[in-house]
Amino acid sequence: MQIEEAKQKFVQAWGALGSQWGINKTMAQIHALMMLSKEPLSTEEIMEELSISRGNANMNIRELIDWSLVSKVFKQGERRDYFVGEKDVWKIAKQVAKIRKTRELDPILKLLDEIKQIDTDKKDEESKHFQKMVGDVHKLALNVDRLIEGIFKAEESWFWDKILKLFTK
């Protein structure tokens, strides 16, 4: 396999993986392209490489900038905007987790807190079952939240050392 074919396969695979993580496929493909590129890329280069429209490229580049996964850079003597992608995979993983936590976990924790406040007849079996299930889901969500917060604070080597120790005991 030649390098260009390998790059295309990586970009396609990263796009598929990104869509499983809740990220737009094209957004993930643009990010993959930027990760693999040693030089900053222009919108036109991204459009050509991925065969996408200017609007699609611009929208996804803006989203990647909002996610802090891409930065705009300026090239001396160029009028075009150029972009570079974050290349540190640990920072990428932490940033994606941070965004997903904000968009998905935080709202469900807020909802579960509200639901736990409802007044139910504790003697009623259905109410007991409801409160237990909501409590169990809330406990799980809080533990996931704590785990994610720990990941945000952790250094990569420390994190993997702790995870690997769990599985090698």
C-alpha atoms as a PDB file:
ATOM      1  CA  MET A   1       0.000   0.000   0.000  1.00  0.00           C
ATOM      2  CA  GLN A   2       1.334   3.421  -0.948  1.00  0.00           C
ATOM      3  CA  ILE A   3       1.268   6.409   1.395  1.00  0.00           C
ATOM      4  CA  GLU A   4      -1.528   8.224  -0.464  1.00  0.00           C
ATOM      5  CA  GLU A   5      -3.791   5.164  -0.322  1.00  0.00           C
ATOM      6  CA  ALA A   6      -2.985   4.716   3.367  1.00  0.00           C
ATOM      7  CA  LYS A   7      -3.835   8.392   4.033  1.00  0.00           C
ATOM      8  CA  GLN A   8      -7.175   8.031   2.244  1.00  0.00           C
ATOM      9  CA  LYS A   9      -8.007   4.916   4.266  1.00  0.00           C
ATOM     10  CA  PHE A  10      -7.091   6.678   7.502  1.00  0.00           C
ATOM     11  CA  VAL A  11      -9.237   9.716   6.642  1.00  0.00           C
ATOM     12  CA  GLN A  12     -12.190   7.461   5.803  1.00  0.00           C
ATOM     13  CA  ALA A  13     -11.730   5.383   8.973  1.00  0.00           C
ATOM     14  CA  TRP A  14     -11.378   8.505  11.168  1.00  0.00           C
ATOM     15  CA  GLY A  15     -14.570   9.856   9.612  1.00  0.00           C
ATOM     16  CA  ALA A  16     -16.423   6.627  10.422  1.00  0.00           C
ATOM     17  CA  LEU A  17     -15.028   6.584  13.964  1.00  0.00           C
ATOM     18  CA  GLY A  18     -15.950  10.231  14.449  1.00  0.00           C
ATOM     19  CA  SER A  19     -19.548   9.593  13.472  1.00  0.00           C
ATOM     20  CA  GLN A  20     -19.668   6.823  16.101  1.00  0.00           C
ATOM     21  CA  TRP A  21     -18.413   9.370  18.655  1.00  0.00           C
ATOM     22  CA  GLY A  22     -21.228  11.730  17.756  1.00  0.00           C
ATOM     23  CA  ILE A  23     -19.134  13.898  15.440  1.00  0.00           C
ATOM     24  CA  ASN A  24     -20.124  14.804  11.905  1.00  0.00           C
ATOM     25  CA  LYS A  25     -18.343  12.426   9.487  1.00  0.00           C
ATOM     26  CA  THR A  26     -17.020  15.239   7.286  1.00  0.00           C
ATOM     27  CA  MET A  27     -15.835  17.147  10.348  1.00  0.00           C
ATOM     28  CA  ALA A  28     -13.847  14.081  11.457  1.00  0.00           C
ATOM     29  CA  GLN A  29     -12.440  13.581   7.950  1.00  0.00           C
ATOM     30  CA  ILE A  30     -11.260  17.200   7.817  1.00  0.00           C
ATOM     31  CA  HIS A  31      -9.645  16.761  11.212  1.00  0.00           C
ATOM     32  CA  ALA A  32      -7.931  13.552  10.059  1.00  0.00           C
ATOM     33  CA  LEU A  33      -6.616  15.320   6.982  1.00  0.00           C
ATOM     34  CA  MET A  34      -5.215  18.095   9.147  1.00  0.00           C
ATOM     35  CA  MET A  35      -3.662  15.652  11.604  1.00  0.00           C
ATOM     36  CA  LEU A  36      -1.821  13.921   8.770  1.00  0.00           C
ATOM     37  CA  SER A  37      -0.667  17.101   7.065  1.00  0.00           C
ATOM     38  CA  LYS A  38       2.714  18.463   8.087  1.00  0.00           C
ATOM     39  CA  GLU A  39       1.768  21.834   6.582  1.00  0.00           C
ATOM     40  CA  PRO A  40      -1.266  24.057   7.232  1.00  0.00           C
ATOM     41  CA  LEU A  41      -4.117  23.445   4.781  1.00  0.00           C
ATOM     42  CA  SER A  42      -6.323  25.965   3.012  1.00  0.00           C
ATOM     43  CA  THR A  43     -10.057  25.542   2.606  1.00  0.00           C
ATOM     44  CA  GLU A  44      -9.476  24.916  -1.105  1.00  0.00           C
ATOM     45  CA  GLU A  45      -7.009  22.104  -0.399  1.00  0.00           C
ATOM     46  CA  ILE A  46      -9.471  20.488   2.002  1.00  0.00           C
ATOM     47  CA  MET A  47     -12.317  20.835  -0.512  1.00  0.00           C
ATOM     48  CA  GLU A  48     -10.243  19.231  -3.253  1.00  0.00           C
ATOM     49  CA  GLU A  49      -8.880  16.410  -1.094  1.00  0.00           C
ATOM     50  CA  LEU A  50     -12.293  15.415   0.275  1.00  0.00           C
ATOM     51  CA  SER A  51     -14.431  16.423  -2.732  1.00  0.00           C
ATOM     52  CA  ILE A  52     -16.702  18.604  -0.609  1.00  0.00           C
ATOM     53  CA  SER A  53     -18.321  21.977  -1.163  1.00  0.00           C
ATOM     54  CA  ARG A  54     -16.935  25.260   0.164  1.00  0.00           C
ATOM     55  CA  GLY A  55     -19.943  25.642   2.465  1.00  0.00           C
ATOM     56  CA  ASN A  56     -19.459  22.142   3.894  1.00  0.00           C
ATOM     57  CA  ALA A  57     -15.742  22.756   4.391  1.00  0.00           C
ATOM     58  CA  ASN A  58     -16.245  26.175   6.017  1.00  0.00           C
ATOM     59  CA  MET A  59     -19.006  24.975   8.329  1.00  0.00           C
ATOM     60  CA  ASN A  60     -16.967  22.008   9.555  1.00  0.00           C
ATOM     61  CA  ILE A  61     -13.747  23.991   9.914  1.00  0.00           C
ATOM     62  CA  ARG A  62     -15.624  26.539  12.069  1.00  0.00           C
ATOM     63  CA  GLU A  63     -16.990  23.692  14.212  1.00  0.00           C
ATOM     64  CA  LEU A  64     -13.493  22.209  14.590  1.00  0.00           C
ATOM     65  CA  ILE A  65     -12.223  25.634  15.666  1.00  0.00           C
ATOM     66  CA  ASP A  66     -15.087  25.858  18.199  1.00  0.00           C
ATOM     67  CA  TRP A  67     -14.053  22.438  19.518  1.00  0.00           C
ATOM     68  CA  SER A  68     -10.431  23.682  19.836  1.00  0.00           C
ATOM     69  CA  LEU A  69      -9.260  20.908  17.513  1.00  0.00           C
ATOM     70  CA  VAL A  70      -8.211  23.254  14.693  1.00  0.00           C
ATOM     71  CA  SER A  71      -6.542  26.658  14.649  1.00  0.00           C
ATOM     72  CA  LYS A  72      -6.341  29.288  11.951  1.00  0.00           C
ATOM     73  CA  VAL A  73      -2.814  30.260  10.950  1.00  0.00           C
ATOM     74  CA  PHE A  74      -1.479  32.885   8.600  1.00  0.00           C
ATOM     75  CA  LYS A  75       1.126  32.314   5.935  1.00  0.00           C
ATOM     76  CA  GLN A  76       3.358  35.220   5.008  1.00  0.00           C
ATOM     77  CA  GLY A  77       2.355  36.622   1.632  1.00  0.00           C
ATOM     78  CA  GLU A  78      -0.862  34.562   1.359  1.00  0.00           C
ATOM     79  CA  ARG A  79      -4.360  35.977   1.277  1.00  0.00           C
ATOM     80  CA  ARG A  80      -6.037  32.645   2.028  1.00  0.00           C
ATOM     81  CA  ASP A  81      -6.731  31.348   5.496  1.00  0.00           C
ATOM     82  CA  TYR A  82      -4.826  28.243   6.498  1.00  0.00           C
ATOM     83  CA  PHE A  83      -5.623  25.780   9.231  1.00  0.00           C
ATOM     84  CA  VAL A  84      -3.745  23.291  11.376  1.00  0.00           C
ATOM     85  CA  GLY A  85      -5.237  20.441  13.356  1.00  0.00           C
ATOM     86  CA  GLU A  86      -4.317  19.389  16.870  1.00  0.00           C
ATOM     87  CA  LYS A  87      -1.882  16.505  16.537  1.00  0.00           C
ATOM     88  CA  ASP A  88      -1.579  15.412  20.170  1.00  0.00           C
ATOM     89  CA  VAL A  89      -4.027  12.493  20.350  1.00  0.00           C
ATOM     90  CA  TRP A  90      -4.299  12.744  24.144  1.00  0.00           C
ATOM     91  CA  LYS A  91      -5.398  16.401  23.847  1.00  0.00           C
ATOM     92  CA  ILE A  92      -7.814  15.403  21.084  1.00  0.00           C
ATOM     93  CA  ALA A  93      -9.387  12.679  23.210  1.00  0.00           C
ATOM     94  CA  LYS A  94      -9.702  14.995  26.215  1.00  0.00           C
ATOM     95  CA  GLN A  95     -11.246  17.776  24.134  1.00  0.00           C
ATOM     96  CA  VAL A  96     -13.787  15.440  22.500  1.00  0.00           C
ATOM     97  CA  ALA A  97     -14.683  14.046  25.935  1.00  0.00           C
ATOM     98  CA  LYS A  98     -15.090  17.593  27.285  1.00  0.00           C
ATOM     99  CA  ILE A  99     -17.462  18.607  24.486  1.00  0.00           C
ATOM    100  CA  ARG A 100     -19.455  15.379  24.707  1.00  0.00           C
ATOM    101  CA  LYS A 101     -19.725  15.761  28.505  1.00  0.00           C
ATOM    102  CA  THR A 102     -21.049  19.303  28.116  1.00  0.00           C
ATOM    103  CA  ARG A 103     -23.548  18.343  25.420  1.00  0.00           C
ATOM    104  CA  GLU A 104     -24.693  14.961  26.715  1.00  0.00           C
ATOM    105  CA  LEU A 105     -23.780  14.107  30.293  1.00  0.00           C
ATOM    106  CA  ASP A 106     -24.332  17.495  31.957  1.00  0.00           C
ATOM    107  CA  PRO A 107     -27.946  17.827  30.690  1.00  0.00           C
ATOM    108  CA  ILE A 108     -28.863  14.289  31.800  1.00  0.00           C
ATOM    109  CA  LEU A 109     -27.381  14.927  35.261  1.00  0.00           C
ATOM    110  CA  LYS A 110     -29.462  18.103  35.531  1.00  0.00           C
ATOM    111  CA  LEU A 111     -32.590  16.204  34.463  1.00  0.00           C
ATOM    112  CA  LEU A 112     -31.924  13.371  36.924  1.00  0.00           C
ATOM    113  CA  ASP A 113     -31.464  15.908  39.732  1.00  0.00           C
ATOM    114  CA  GLU A 114     -34.860  17.404  38.843  1.00  0.00           C
ATOM    115  CA  ILE A 115     -36.550  13.999  38.626  1.00  0.00           C
ATOM    116  CA  LYS A 116     -35.145  12.950  42.007  1.00  0.00           C
ATOM    117  CA  GLN A 117     -36.924  15.940  43.561  1.00  0.00           C
ATOM    118  CA  ILE A 118     -40.441  14.816  42.618  1.00  0.00           C
ATOM    119  CA  ASP A 119     -42.766  13.965  45.464  1.00  0.00           C
ATOM    120  CA  THR A 120     -43.705  10.280  45.333  1.00  0.00           C
ATOM    121  CA  ASP A 121     -45.573   8.035  47.707  1.00  0.00           C
ATOM    122  CA  LYS A 122     -42.728   5.899  49.048  1.00  0.00           C
ATOM    123  CA  LYS A 123     -45.157   3.111  50.000  1.00  0.00           C
ATOM    124  CA  ASP A 124     -46.275   2.584  46.436  1.00  0.00           C
ATOM    125  CA  GLU A 125     -44.291  -0.198  44.684  1.00  0.00           C
ATOM    126  CA  GLU A 126     -44.196   1.638  41.375  1.00  0.00           C
ATOM    127  CA  SER A 127     -42.838   4.755  43.113  1.00  0.00           C
ATOM    128  CA  LYS A 128     -40.180   2.715  44.928  1.00  0.00           C
ATOM    129  CA  HIS A 129     -39.126   1.076  41.678  1.00  0.00           C
ATOM    130  CA  PHE A 130     -39.035   4.439  39.879  1.00  0.00           C
ATOM    131  CA  GLN A 131     -36.940   6.073  42.595  1.00  0.00           C
ATOM    132  CA  LYS A 132     -34.526   3.133  42.688  1.00  0.00           C
ATOM    133  CA  MET A 133     -34.009   3.136  38.918  1.00  0.00           C
ATOM    134  CA  VAL A 134     -33.570   6.909  38.737  1.00  0.00           C
ATOM    135  CA  GLY A 135     -31.185   6.738  41.697  1.00  0.00           C
ATOM    136  CA  ASP A 136     -29.132   3.969  40.051  1.00  0.00           C
ATOM    137  CA  VAL A 137     -28.903   5.846  36.749  1.00  0.00           C
ATOM    138  CA  HIS A 138     -27.990   9.036  38.622  1.00  0.00           C
ATOM    139  CA  LYS A 139     -25.248   7.229  40.543  1.00  0.00           C
ATOM    140  CA  LEU A 140     -23.822   5.798  37.310  1.00  0.00           C
ATOM    141  CA  ALA A 141     -23.929   9.190  35.586  1.00  0.00           C
ATOM    142  CA  LEU A 142     -22.173  10.838  38.560  1.00  0.00           C
ATOM    143  CA  ASN A 143     -19.448   8.174  38.483  1.00  0.00           C
ATOM    144  CA  VAL A 144     -18.959   8.678  34.745  1.00  0.00           C
ATOM    145  CA  ASP A 145     -18.807  12.433  35.366  1.00  0.00           C
ATOM    146  CA  ARG A 146     -16.110  11.944  38.025  1.00  0.00           C
ATOM    147  CA  LEU A 147     -14.156   9.646  35.720  1.00  0.00           C
ATOM    148  CA  ILE A 148     -14.266  12.176  32.900  1.00  0.00           C
ATOM    149  CA  GLU A 149     -13.216  14.985  35.251  1.00  0.00           C
ATOM    150  CA  GLY A 150     -10.294  12.794  36.336  1.00  0.00           C
ATOM    151  CA  ILE A 151      -9.297  12.274  32.715  1.00  0.00           C
ATOM    152  CA  PHE A 152      -9.326  16.046  32.143  1.00  0.00           C
ATOM    153  CA  LYS A 153      -6.880  16.510  35.006  1.00  0.00           C
ATOM    154  CA  ALA A 154      -4.713  13.482  34.261  1.00  0.00           C
ATOM    155  CA  GLU A 155      -1.500  13.328  32.355  1.00  0.00           C
ATOM    156  CA  GLU A 156      -1.482  10.698  29.636  1.00  0.00           C
ATOM    157  CA  SER A 157       1.188   8.449  31.192  1.00  0.00           C
ATOM    158  CA  TRP A 158      -0.519   8.501  34.603  1.00  0.00           C
ATOM    159  CA  PHE A 159      -3.918   7.692  33.105  1.00  0.00           C
ATOM    160  CA  TRP A 160      -2.748   4.729  31.018  1.00  0.00           C
ATOM    161  CA  ASP A 161      -0.637   3.423  33.896  1.00  0.00           C
ATOM    162  CA  LYS A 162      -3.743   3.366  36.144  1.00  0.00           C
ATOM    163  CA  ILE A 163      -5.967   1.783  33.461  1.00  0.00           C
ATOM    164  CA  LEU A 164      -3.444  -0.907  32.581  1.00  0.00           C
ATOM    165  CA  LYS A 165      -2.975  -1.793  36.268  1.00  0.00           C
ATOM    166  CA  LEU A 166      -6.714  -2.481  36.462  1.00  0.00           C
ATOM    167  CA  PHE A 167      -6.456  -5.107  33.723  1.00  0.00           C
ATOM    168  CA  THR A 168      -3.146  -6.733  34.714  1.00  0.00           C
ATOM    169  CA  LYS A 169      -3.974  -7.649  38.303  1.00  0.00           C
END
